[in-house]
Amino acid sequence: MLTRRQFGLGALAAGALAALPGTARAAGHDYTSRETFDLFDKAFHESGGSGQPTDTNELGGLGWGASYVLASFVRMYEAYRDTYYLDRLIHNADLVLAGRDSERGVTDYRGLSLPAWRNTSYTAGGVNLLDTAGRPLLEVRSALTNVNDAVATVRAGSGEGRFTLEVANPKKNKVSTFADLSMDPADPDYAVRRIFDAYPSPTMVTAKDLRPSPSGAAMPALGTAKLTAAPVIFSVHTGMITYPLASFVRLVYQSPRLRANARYRSKAEEYLAAVKAAAAVHDREWVQNDAGLGYFIWPKGMPVPYDGAEQPINQSLGLGQTYAELAAATGDPVFRDRTRRLARSFAGDLKTDGDDAYVWPYWPGYGKLYSGYTKADDVSEWTPSYGTPPKGAQQFEDLSHGGIDIEFAAVAHRWGLGFTGRDMARFARTYTKNLATTDNGVATTFVSVDGGGGLAPSGQYLQAPRHMPVARWDGALFTHSRAVYVDHAVEPQYGSTLLCVAYLNWQARQ
């Protein structure tokens, strides 16, 4: 539950790869050629698979699919300097921007229609139970995944003013039952307090009294009601989608030839405004301190499982990628400062192992999830407690999420906003010393950046070329990640596959 594969690539890059109709067999693919990339580009977009630029982001199709396609066009332009790839980016980017909440007329959980992309696939959610007069009485919440499958059932209790609440999540095969509840705050069986005291229940239930001035007895109407996931805009999705758009802006602004093209100049101005507006949606999540650190949190009350806590490293750095490119494109001191602060925060979690390779955790070591917290700490509404302090979620980062971290570190280094060449070499060794391996002569990877987690599933090892930003510090990284694609005869299926083939082209021409 903590890593939530939807935060990475599981929903879009899991299971065995299958060739799409009409594509060449992988035995004939040169994954470092633009012909292969162009073939994959065509096949992917004709397939209708998840990650198309016309998708919504409700299930992460833009954040974990279309974003990689956009980034692939940036890398192909950098590899070949052919504006064909900028034109491909513009075509897709315009469709992705048309899918913003403000353009679709949809809202987030607060009722705001904002210039970014909401998601409901791994948010928390609930249902408002009404009293017998039809007035809102009790919000029943669940932070367990697949909340859209959960059902709340209200039955009569053992006496007057008593009711039994059951919250079942069939997909998870979990049920929480609270017998003989009361809606009287003075009653020892007051529903909000009883449910809170029982946390963590199997379906991770919490409750909120919806009456303006809770007092006296009341009864929810008997019957069943489905819980609904709340729409939330995640900073990591915004970062992944806007990063290649910010890169386009940087490419145009730094090139006299591109700036002289009226279309590219106009698109750069349009995309700059769009990226800034989308990034600003998350200003309320930004935290910085006097120690020079900066990171993102989920504000307390946001309907996500760990509201009130710091976001995972990869999620903070997802938007950090955009900040770094905006800093390079515009010189804006705010984006420069935030990039530096994120770099310092990430650097604080980096440790070297015996091979002088970097290892780091999934959750930031300074955060509440890493150390765990209790109900008495009053951290979160949706997940009142986690772990057994001082030990919480302390697993190492995995290869695919680590690709975001590496991308951020490399772009921050590129523009002089954090990290040194020595850091880049250590990140490269993370791949070559810890992640890279073979299984019966087939190139593959381990799951975690420390070399743990066992042999990786396809949703992990197929992301190997995303570590290419640091490949020039260790040539074995390029050799091995290319072998992963050759040995597994990879065909076009996912947006991330396009980015990986683009990165193989990009590095082959460095």
Protein backbone atom coordinates (compact mmCIF):
# COMPACT_ATOMS: atom_id res chain seq x y z
CA MET A 1 0.00 0.00 0.00
CA LEU A 2 2.79 2.44 0.79
CA THR A 3 4.53 2.33 -2.54
CA ARG A 4 1.22 2.21 -4.46
CA ARG A 5 2.25 1.10 -7.90
CA GLN A 6 -0.10 3.70 -9.34
CA PHE A 7 2.41 6.25 -7.99
CA GLY A 8 4.82 4.73 -10.48
CA LEU A 9 4.24 2.60 -13.48
CA GLY A 10 2.45 -0.52 -12.33
CA ALA A 11 -0.91 0.33 -13.84
CA LEU A 12 0.69 1.23 -17.17
CA ALA A 13 3.72 -1.04 -17.31
CA ALA A 14 2.87 -4.34 -15.64
CA GLY A 15 2.78 -7.84 -17.00
CA ALA A 16 4.35 -9.42 -20.03
CA LEU A 17 4.82 -7.30 -23.13
CA ALA A 18 2.78 -8.23 -26.16
CA ALA A 19 3.51 -7.05 -29.69
CA LEU A 20 1.00 -4.66 -31.17
CA PRO A 21 -0.53 -5.56 -34.53
CA GLY A 22 1.50 -4.43 -37.50
CA THR A 23 4.81 -3.88 -35.70
CA ALA A 24 8.09 -5.50 -36.59
CA ARG A 25 9.46 -8.27 -34.42
CA ALA A 26 11.94 -7.07 -31.82
CA ALA A 27 14.73 -9.14 -33.30
CA GLY A 28 14.90 -6.53 -36.07
CA HIS A 29 14.86 -3.49 -33.79
CA ASP A 30 17.87 -1.30 -33.25
CA TYR A 31 16.79 0.50 -30.09
CA THR A 32 19.31 3.28 -30.73
CA SER A 33 17.89 4.22 -34.14
CA ARG A 34 15.35 6.90 -34.88
CA GLU A 35 13.59 4.49 -37.25
CA THR A 36 12.79 2.28 -34.28
CA PHE A 37 11.59 5.22 -32.23
CA ASP A 38 9.38 6.47 -35.07
CA LEU A 39 7.93 2.98 -35.48
CA PHE A 40 7.18 2.79 -31.74
CA ASP A 41 5.69 6.29 -31.80
CA LYS A 42 3.32 5.37 -34.62
CA ALA A 43 2.37 1.98 -33.19
CA PHE A 44 1.72 3.34 -29.70
CA HIS A 45 -0.52 6.15 -30.86
CA GLU A 46 -2.44 3.87 -33.20
CA SER A 47 -2.92 1.30 -30.44
CA GLY A 48 -5.21 3.44 -28.30
CA GLY A 49 -3.40 2.10 -25.23
CA SER A 50 -3.40 3.97 -21.94
CA GLY A 51 -1.33 7.13 -22.02
CA GLN A 52 -2.74 8.71 -25.16
CA PRO A 53 -2.71 12.53 -25.15
CA THR A 54 -6.52 12.49 -25.33
CA ASP A 55 -6.81 10.47 -22.10
CA THR A 56 -7.94 12.01 -18.85
CA ASN A 57 -5.76 11.67 -15.80
CA GLU A 58 -8.48 10.13 -13.62
CA LEU A 59 -6.55 6.85 -13.56
CA GLY A 60 -3.12 8.39 -14.14
CA GLY A 61 -3.03 7.98 -17.92
CA LEU A 62 -1.47 11.40 -18.43
CA GLY A 63 0.87 11.49 -15.43
CA TRP A 64 2.15 7.96 -15.99
CA GLY A 65 1.76 7.65 -19.75
CA ALA A 66 1.40 10.74 -21.90
CA SER A 67 4.07 12.55 -19.87
CA TYR A 68 6.68 10.01 -20.95
CA VAL A 69 5.65 10.40 -24.59
CA LEU A 70 6.11 14.17 -24.34
CA ALA A 71 9.50 13.70 -22.72
CA SER A 72 10.51 11.26 -25.45
CA PHE A 73 10.08 13.97 -28.08
CA VAL A 74 12.35 16.29 -26.08
CA ARG A 75 15.08 13.65 -25.92
CA MET A 76 14.72 12.80 -29.62
CA TYR A 77 15.05 16.47 -30.52
CA GLU A 78 18.15 16.75 -28.34
CA ALA A 79 19.57 13.64 -30.04
CA TYR A 80 18.91 14.66 -33.66
CA ARG A 81 18.08 18.39 -33.62
CA ASP A 82 15.22 17.67 -35.99
CA THR A 83 12.23 19.96 -35.37
CA TYR A 84 9.96 17.12 -36.46
CA TYR A 85 10.10 15.98 -32.84
CA LEU A 86 9.19 19.43 -31.55
CA ASP A 87 6.17 19.36 -33.86
CA ARG A 88 5.22 15.95 -32.46
CA LEU A 89 5.51 17.38 -28.96
CA ILE A 90 3.30 20.34 -29.83
CA HIS A 91 0.62 18.07 -31.31
CA ASN A 92 0.49 15.96 -28.15
CA ALA A 93 0.98 18.82 -25.71
CA ASP A 94 -2.00 20.74 -27.06
CA LEU A 95 -4.22 17.69 -26.55
CA VAL A 96 -2.89 17.15 -23.03
CA LEU A 97 -3.49 20.80 -22.12
CA ALA A 98 -7.05 20.45 -23.42
CA GLY A 99 -7.52 17.80 -20.73
CA ARG A 100 -6.89 20.15 -17.79
CA ASP A 101 -9.68 20.30 -15.23
CA SER A 102 -10.32 23.95 -16.12
CA GLU A 103 -10.83 22.98 -19.75
CA ARG A 104 -12.98 19.92 -19.02
CA GLY A 105 -15.13 21.75 -16.49
CA VAL A 106 -14.43 19.30 -13.67
CA THR A 107 -13.36 20.06 -10.10
CA ASP A 108 -11.13 18.76 -7.34
CA TYR A 109 -12.42 17.68 -3.93
CA ARG A 110 -12.82 21.33 -2.89
CA GLY A 111 -15.01 22.14 -5.87
CA LEU A 112 -12.25 24.09 -7.65
CA SER A 113 -11.72 23.75 -11.40
CA LEU A 114 -7.99 24.34 -11.79
CA PRO A 115 -5.49 24.41 -14.70
CA ALA A 116 -4.07 20.97 -13.87
CA TRP A 117 -5.15 17.32 -14.00
CA ARG A 118 -7.09 15.62 -11.22
CA ASN A 119 -6.88 11.94 -10.28
CA THR A 120 -9.15 9.49 -8.44
CA SER A 121 -7.24 6.22 -8.73
CA TYR A 122 -5.37 6.29 -5.42
CA THR A 123 -7.08 8.91 -3.39
CA ALA A 124 -9.12 8.29 -0.27
CA GLY A 125 -12.86 8.81 -0.26
CA GLY A 126 -16.13 8.38 1.51
CA VAL A 127 -19.87 8.93 1.59
CA ASN A 128 -22.14 11.32 3.47
CA LEU A 129 -24.83 9.49 5.44
CA LEU A 130 -28.10 11.40 5.82
CA ASP A 131 -30.37 11.45 8.81
CA THR A 132 -33.97 10.30 8.58
CA ALA A 133 -34.97 13.84 7.50
CA GLY A 134 -32.48 13.82 4.61
CA ARG A 135 -29.94 16.13 6.22
CA PRO A 136 -26.16 15.42 6.15
CA LEU A 137 -25.24 13.63 9.35
CA LEU A 138 -22.06 11.57 9.18
CA GLU A 139 -19.24 11.33 6.67
CA VAL A 140 -17.85 7.80 6.55
CA ARG A 141 -14.32 7.72 5.14
CA SER A 142 -11.91 5.04 4.03
CA ALA A 143 -8.21 5.40 3.18
CA LEU A 144 -7.93 1.83 1.87
CA THR A 145 -7.17 1.46 -1.84
CA ASN A 146 -10.02 0.69 -4.26
CA VAL A 147 -12.28 2.94 -2.23
CA ASN A 148 -14.75 3.11 -5.13
CA ASP A 149 -15.53 -0.54 -4.44
CA ALA A 150 -16.37 0.08 -0.78
CA VAL A 151 -19.92 0.10 0.56
CA ALA A 152 -21.26 1.46 3.85
CA THR A 153 -24.26 -0.32 5.36
CA VAL A 154 -26.32 1.09 8.24
CA ARG A 155 -28.44 -1.32 10.27
CA ALA A 156 -30.57 -0.84 13.36
CA GLY A 157 -28.77 -1.25 16.66
CA SER A 158 -29.86 -3.00 19.81
CA GLY A 159 -31.87 -0.08 21.14
CA GLU A 160 -33.32 3.34 20.42
CA GLY A 161 -30.80 5.79 18.96
CA ARG A 162 -28.33 2.99 18.23
CA PHE A 163 -27.11 1.81 14.85
CA THR A 164 -24.52 -0.56 13.45
CA LEU A 165 -22.18 0.57 10.67
CA GLU A 166 -20.42 -1.84 8.34
CA VAL A 167 -17.86 -0.71 5.77
CA ALA A 168 -16.91 -3.45 3.30
CA ASN A 169 -14.37 -3.40 0.49
CA PRO A 170 -15.04 -6.60 -1.53
CA LYS A 171 -12.07 -6.09 -3.86
CA LYS A 172 -9.76 -6.08 -0.85
CA ASN A 173 -11.82 -8.70 1.00
CA LYS A 174 -11.92 -6.42 4.05
CA VAL A 175 -14.84 -5.55 6.37
CA SER A 176 -15.03 -3.23 9.36
CA THR A 177 -18.06 -3.44 11.67
CA PHE A 178 -18.96 -0.99 14.43
CA ALA A 179 -21.92 -2.13 16.53
CA ASP A 180 -24.36 -0.02 18.53
CA LEU A 181 -23.04 3.41 17.66
CA SER A 182 -24.61 6.66 18.80
CA MET A 183 -24.59 10.13 17.29
CA ASP A 184 -24.67 11.81 20.71
CA PRO A 185 -21.21 13.35 21.38
CA ALA A 186 -21.80 12.84 25.11
CA ASP A 187 -22.37 9.11 24.67
CA PRO A 188 -19.39 6.74 25.17
CA ASP A 189 -20.47 5.07 21.92
CA TYR A 190 -20.39 8.31 19.89
CA ALA A 191 -19.70 7.14 16.34
CA VAL A 192 -16.84 9.51 15.51
CA ARG A 193 -14.96 8.65 18.69
CA ARG A 194 -15.63 4.89 18.57
CA ILE A 195 -14.46 4.64 14.95
CA PHE A 196 -11.38 6.72 15.70
CA ASP A 197 -10.51 4.60 18.74
CA ALA A 198 -10.83 1.43 16.62
CA TYR A 199 -8.38 2.69 13.99
CA PRO A 200 -6.68 0.98 12.20
CA SER A 201 -9.76 -1.01 11.26
CA PRO A 202 -9.56 -3.46 8.30
CA THR A 203 -10.96 -0.90 5.84
CA MET A 204 -9.13 2.05 7.46
CA VAL A 205 -12.34 3.86 8.43
CA THR A 206 -12.60 7.30 9.99
CA ALA A 207 -15.70 9.47 10.40
CA LYS A 208 -16.68 13.12 10.64
CA ASP A 209 -19.83 14.60 12.15
CA LEU A 210 -21.44 16.82 9.50
CA ARG A 211 -23.85 18.68 11.78
CA PRO A 212 -23.02 22.38 12.24
CA SER A 213 -23.24 21.98 16.03
CA PRO A 214 -23.11 18.30 16.95
CA SER A 215 -25.30 17.57 19.97
CA GLY A 216 -28.00 15.18 21.04
CA ALA A 217 -29.06 11.94 19.48
CA ALA A 218 -29.75 11.41 15.79
CA MET A 219 -29.98 8.41 13.50
CA PRO A 220 -28.63 7.86 9.99
CA ALA A 221 -31.11 6.43 7.54
CA LEU A 222 -30.87 2.66 7.28
CA GLY A 223 -29.57 1.12 4.07
CA THR A 224 -26.43 0.98 1.94
CA ALA A 225 -24.39 3.65 0.20
CA LYS A 226 -21.29 3.45 -1.99
CA LEU A 227 -18.12 5.28 -1.09
CA THR A 228 -16.56 7.45 -3.78
CA ALA A 229 -12.92 8.35 -4.30
CA ALA A 230 -12.32 12.08 -3.98
CA PRO A 231 -10.64 13.88 -6.92
CA VAL A 232 -7.21 15.26 -6.04
CA ILE A 233 -4.50 16.94 -8.12
CA PHE A 234 -1.16 15.31 -7.30
CA SER A 235 2.03 17.32 -7.54
CA VAL A 236 3.87 14.39 -9.08
CA HIS A 237 1.38 14.17 -11.95
CA THR A 238 1.62 17.90 -12.53
CA GLY A 239 5.40 17.65 -12.50
CA MET A 240 5.60 14.70 -14.86
CA ILE A 241 3.24 16.34 -17.36
CA THR A 242 4.72 19.83 -17.24
CA TYR A 243 8.39 18.83 -17.18
CA PRO A 244 8.65 18.19 -20.95
CA LEU A 245 6.61 21.34 -21.64
CA ALA A 246 9.08 23.34 -19.54
CA SER A 247 11.89 21.63 -21.46
CA PHE A 248 10.32 22.81 -24.71
CA VAL A 249 10.26 26.36 -23.36
CA ARG A 250 13.91 26.08 -22.38
CA LEU A 251 14.91 24.70 -25.78
CA VAL A 252 13.20 27.57 -27.59
CA TYR A 253 14.41 30.31 -25.27
CA GLN A 254 18.02 29.12 -25.44
CA SER A 255 18.09 28.72 -29.24
CA PRO A 256 18.18 31.78 -31.54
CA ARG A 257 17.12 29.52 -34.42
CA LEU A 258 14.03 28.26 -32.59
CA ARG A 259 13.16 31.71 -31.21
CA ALA A 260 13.19 33.06 -34.75
CA ASN A 261 10.38 30.65 -35.63
CA ALA A 262 7.13 32.48 -34.83
CA ARG A 263 5.23 29.25 -34.16
CA TYR A 264 7.78 27.86 -31.72
CA ARG A 265 8.15 31.22 -29.99
CA SER A 266 4.37 31.52 -29.58
CA LYS A 267 4.04 27.96 -28.30
CA ALA A 268 6.87 28.51 -25.83
CA GLU A 269 5.06 31.53 -24.41
CA GLU A 270 1.79 29.60 -24.25
CA TYR A 271 3.38 26.60 -22.57
CA LEU A 272 5.31 28.76 -20.11
CA ALA A 273 2.06 30.32 -18.90
CA ALA A 274 0.37 26.92 -18.70
CA VAL A 275 3.26 25.32 -16.80
CA LYS A 276 3.47 28.18 -14.30
CA ALA A 277 -0.29 28.03 -13.70
CA ALA A 278 -0.25 24.28 -13.18
CA ALA A 279 2.75 24.41 -10.85
CA ALA A 280 1.12 27.18 -8.80
CA VAL A 281 -1.74 24.80 -7.94
CA HIS A 282 0.69 23.14 -5.53
CA ASP A 283 2.06 26.23 -3.82
CA ARG A 284 -0.06 25.44 -0.76
CA GLU A 285 1.75 22.07 -0.49
CA TRP A 286 5.22 23.62 -0.57
CA VAL A 287 7.23 23.78 2.68
CA GLN A 288 10.64 25.36 3.19
CA ASN A 289 12.71 26.05 6.26
CA ASP A 290 15.64 28.09 7.53
CA ALA A 291 17.99 25.17 6.92
CA GLY A 292 17.59 25.72 3.18
CA LEU A 293 15.41 22.65 2.61
CA GLY A 294 12.22 22.46 0.57
CA TYR A 295 9.70 19.70 -0.10
CA PHE A 296 6.01 19.02 -0.60
CA ILE A 297 3.43 17.80 1.89
CA TRP A 298 -0.17 16.69 1.59
CA PRO A 299 -2.05 19.28 3.66
CA LYS A 300 -3.99 17.85 6.56
CA GLY A 301 -7.55 17.14 5.47
CA MET A 302 -6.68 16.48 1.83
CA PRO A 303 -8.47 13.20 0.96
CA VAL A 304 -5.35 11.09 0.46
CA PRO A 305 -4.21 8.24 2.67
CA TYR A 306 -1.37 10.18 4.31
CA ASP A 307 -2.68 13.74 4.57
CA GLY A 308 -0.58 15.83 6.92
CA ALA A 309 2.61 13.98 5.97
CA GLU A 310 5.50 14.69 3.64
CA GLN A 311 5.19 13.36 0.10
CA PRO A 312 7.50 10.58 -1.12
CA ILE A 313 10.86 11.71 -2.46
CA ASN A 314 9.92 10.97 -6.07
CA GLN A 315 6.70 12.95 -5.77
CA SER A 316 8.41 16.06 -4.46
CA LEU A 317 11.10 15.77 -7.13
CA GLY A 318 8.53 15.20 -9.89
CA LEU A 319 7.58 18.86 -9.81
CA GLY A 320 11.19 19.73 -9.02
CA GLN A 321 12.10 18.67 -12.56
CA THR A 322 9.78 21.37 -13.86
CA TYR A 323 11.21 23.96 -11.49
CA ALA A 324 14.72 23.23 -12.75
CA GLU A 325 13.76 23.66 -16.41
CA LEU A 326 11.80 26.84 -15.66
CA ALA A 327 14.83 28.17 -13.80
CA ALA A 328 17.04 27.44 -16.81
CA ALA A 329 14.55 28.92 -19.26
CA THR A 330 13.64 32.08 -17.39
CA GLY A 331 16.20 32.63 -14.64
CA ASP A 332 13.28 33.16 -12.22
CA PRO A 333 14.82 33.30 -8.71
CA VAL A 334 11.82 31.50 -7.17
CA PHE A 335 12.30 28.45 -9.37
CA ARG A 336 16.06 28.54 -8.86
CA ASP A 337 15.62 28.68 -5.10
CA ARG A 338 13.05 25.89 -4.98
CA THR A 339 15.20 23.64 -7.16
CA ARG A 340 18.17 24.17 -4.86
CA ARG A 341 16.07 23.49 -1.78
CA LEU A 342 14.70 20.25 -3.23
CA ALA A 343 18.22 19.20 -4.17
CA ARG A 344 19.43 19.79 -0.61
CA SER A 345 16.51 17.82 0.82
CA PHE A 346 17.18 14.89 -1.50
CA ALA A 347 20.92 15.02 -0.82
CA GLY A 348 20.23 14.66 2.88
CA ASP A 349 18.67 11.23 2.25
CA LEU A 350 21.52 9.92 0.09
CA LYS A 351 23.91 7.39 1.62
CA THR A 352 26.90 5.65 0.02
CA ASP A 353 27.35 1.91 0.17
CA GLY A 354 30.47 -0.27 -0.13
CA ASP A 355 30.65 0.31 -3.89
CA ASP A 356 30.46 4.10 -3.44
CA ALA A 357 26.97 3.98 -4.97
CA TYR A 358 24.07 6.02 -3.68
CA VAL A 359 21.14 4.39 -1.88
CA TRP A 360 18.11 6.24 -0.54
CA PRO A 361 14.62 5.58 0.85
CA TYR A 362 11.23 5.87 -0.83
CA TRP A 363 9.89 8.14 1.91
CA PRO A 364 12.08 11.06 3.08
CA GLY A 365 14.02 10.25 6.22
CA TYR A 366 12.97 13.55 7.85
CA GLY A 367 9.29 12.73 7.32
CA LYS A 368 6.51 11.39 9.47
CA LEU A 369 5.87 8.27 7.40
CA TYR A 370 9.50 7.20 7.67
CA SER A 371 9.50 7.44 11.47
CA GLY A 372 5.87 6.48 12.04
CA TYR A 373 3.36 8.39 14.14
CA THR A 374 0.59 7.78 16.64
CA LYS A 375 -2.92 9.13 17.04
CA ALA A 376 -1.66 11.39 19.79
CA ASP A 377 0.64 13.10 17.28
CA ASP A 378 -2.45 14.40 15.44
CA VAL A 379 -0.76 14.15 12.03
CA SER A 380 -3.50 12.90 9.73
CA GLU A 381 -7.29 12.87 9.47
CA TRP A 382 -7.48 10.00 6.99
CA THR A 383 -4.71 7.82 8.48
CA PRO A 384 -4.60 8.71 12.19
CA SER A 385 -1.64 6.45 12.95
CA TYR A 386 1.08 4.63 11.09
CA GLY A 387 3.87 2.28 12.09
CA THR A 388 5.45 1.96 15.52
CA PRO A 389 7.59 5.05 16.16
CA PRO A 390 10.48 5.42 15.61
CA LYS A 391 9.97 2.93 12.78
CA GLY A 392 7.53 3.53 9.96
CA ALA A 393 7.90 3.04 6.21
CA GLN A 394 11.65 2.72 5.69
CA GLN A 395 11.87 0.73 2.47
CA PHE A 396 14.43 1.69 -0.18
CA GLU A 397 13.48 3.47 -3.38
CA ASP A 398 12.72 1.24 -6.38
CA LEU A 399 14.11 1.44 -9.91
CA SER A 400 11.12 3.03 -11.64
CA HIS A 401 10.40 5.72 -9.03
CA GLY A 402 14.14 6.20 -8.79
CA GLY A 403 14.09 7.21 -12.44
CA ILE A 404 12.29 10.39 -11.40
CA ASP A 405 14.84 11.05 -8.67
CA ILE A 406 17.74 10.54 -11.10
CA GLU A 407 16.08 12.78 -13.69
CA PHE A 408 15.75 15.57 -11.15
CA ALA A 409 19.31 15.24 -9.89
CA ALA A 410 20.67 15.29 -13.43
CA VAL A 411 18.71 18.34 -14.56
CA ALA A 412 19.59 20.20 -11.34
CA HIS A 413 23.27 19.36 -11.97
CA ARG A 414 22.97 20.39 -15.63
CA TRP A 415 21.89 23.90 -14.70
CA GLY A 416 24.18 24.33 -11.70
CA LEU A 417 21.36 24.12 -9.16
CA GLY A 418 22.56 21.14 -7.16
CA PHE A 419 24.76 18.03 -7.17
CA THR A 420 28.28 17.54 -8.51
CA GLY A 421 29.87 15.26 -11.05
CA ARG A 422 30.86 12.99 -8.17
CA ASP A 423 27.18 12.73 -7.22
CA MET A 424 26.31 11.82 -10.81
CA ALA A 425 28.93 9.07 -10.79
CA ARG A 426 27.48 7.67 -7.58
CA PHE A 427 23.99 7.64 -9.08
CA ALA A 428 25.38 5.82 -12.10
CA ARG A 429 26.93 3.20 -9.83
CA THR A 430 23.54 2.76 -8.15
CA TYR A 431 22.46 1.26 -11.44
CA THR A 432 25.60 -0.60 -12.49
CA LYS A 433 26.55 -1.96 -9.04
CA ASN A 434 23.16 -2.46 -7.37
CA LEU A 435 20.37 -2.65 -9.92
CA ALA A 436 21.90 -4.31 -13.00
CA THR A 437 22.00 -8.10 -13.14
CA THR A 438 21.28 -11.07 -15.41
CA ASP A 439 18.93 -14.01 -15.04
CA ASN A 440 19.97 -17.08 -17.03
CA GLY A 441 21.96 -14.84 -19.34
CA VAL A 442 19.11 -12.33 -19.84
CA ALA A 443 19.77 -8.76 -18.78
CA THR A 444 17.39 -7.63 -16.05
CA THR A 445 17.45 -5.71 -12.78
CA PHE A 446 16.75 -5.97 -9.10
CA VAL A 447 13.86 -3.97 -7.66
CA SER A 448 15.45 -1.61 -5.15
CA VAL A 449 18.31 0.88 -5.39
CA ASP A 450 20.22 -1.05 -2.73
CA GLY A 451 20.11 -4.19 -4.90
CA GLY A 452 17.32 -5.73 -2.81
CA GLY A 453 13.75 -6.70 -3.51
CA GLY A 454 14.60 -9.69 -5.69
CA LEU A 455 14.49 -9.87 -9.46
CA ALA A 456 12.35 -7.08 -10.86
CA PRO A 457 9.04 -7.60 -12.68
CA SER A 458 8.64 -6.06 -16.12
CA GLY A 459 7.10 -2.90 -14.70
CA GLN A 460 10.49 -2.23 -13.13
CA TYR A 461 13.20 -3.58 -15.43
CA LEU A 462 11.61 -2.05 -18.53
CA GLN A 463 12.28 1.37 -16.97
CA ALA A 464 16.04 0.78 -16.93
CA PRO A 465 16.87 3.31 -19.70
CA ARG A 466 15.27 6.07 -17.64
CA HIS A 467 18.50 6.11 -15.61
CA MET A 468 20.29 7.29 -18.76
CA PRO A 469 20.78 10.91 -17.57
CA VAL A 470 23.80 9.70 -15.58
CA ALA A 471 25.08 7.15 -18.12
CA ARG A 472 28.04 9.24 -19.25
CA TRP A 473 29.56 8.73 -15.80
CA ASP A 474 29.52 4.93 -16.26
CA GLY A 475 29.30 3.45 -19.77
CA ALA A 476 28.11 0.11 -18.39
CA LEU A 477 24.74 1.72 -17.61
CA PHE A 478 24.00 2.30 -21.30
CA THR A 479 25.29 -1.14 -22.29
CA HIS A 480 23.20 -2.98 -19.73
CA SER A 481 19.96 -1.03 -20.13
CA ARG A 482 20.14 -1.48 -23.90
CA ALA A 483 20.69 -5.21 -23.32
CA VAL A 484 17.50 -5.27 -21.22
CA TYR A 485 15.55 -4.12 -24.27
CA VAL A 486 17.36 -6.42 -26.69
CA ASP A 487 17.14 -9.50 -24.48
CA HIS A 488 13.44 -8.98 -23.77
CA ALA A 489 12.63 -8.18 -27.41
CA VAL A 490 10.65 -5.12 -26.34
CA GLU A 491 7.79 -3.98 -28.56
CA PRO A 492 5.85 -0.69 -28.39
CA GLN A 493 3.16 -0.83 -25.77
CA TYR A 494 3.54 1.89 -23.15
CA GLY A 495 4.33 5.59 -23.12
CA SER A 496 7.34 4.87 -20.94
CA THR A 497 8.68 2.52 -23.64
CA LEU A 498 8.87 5.48 -26.04
CA LEU A 499 10.86 7.48 -23.52
CA CYS A 500 13.24 4.57 -22.91
CA VAL A 501 13.89 4.10 -26.64
CA ALA A 502 14.35 7.86 -26.96
CA TYR A 503 16.89 7.76 -24.14
CA LEU A 504 18.80 4.95 -25.84
CA ASN A 505 18.94 7.10 -28.99
CA TRP A 506 19.92 10.14 -26.91
CA GLN A 507 22.80 8.45 -25.11
CA ALA A 508 24.09 6.73 -28.25
CA ARG A 509 24.69 10.21 -29.70
CA GLN A 510 26.26 11.87 -26.68
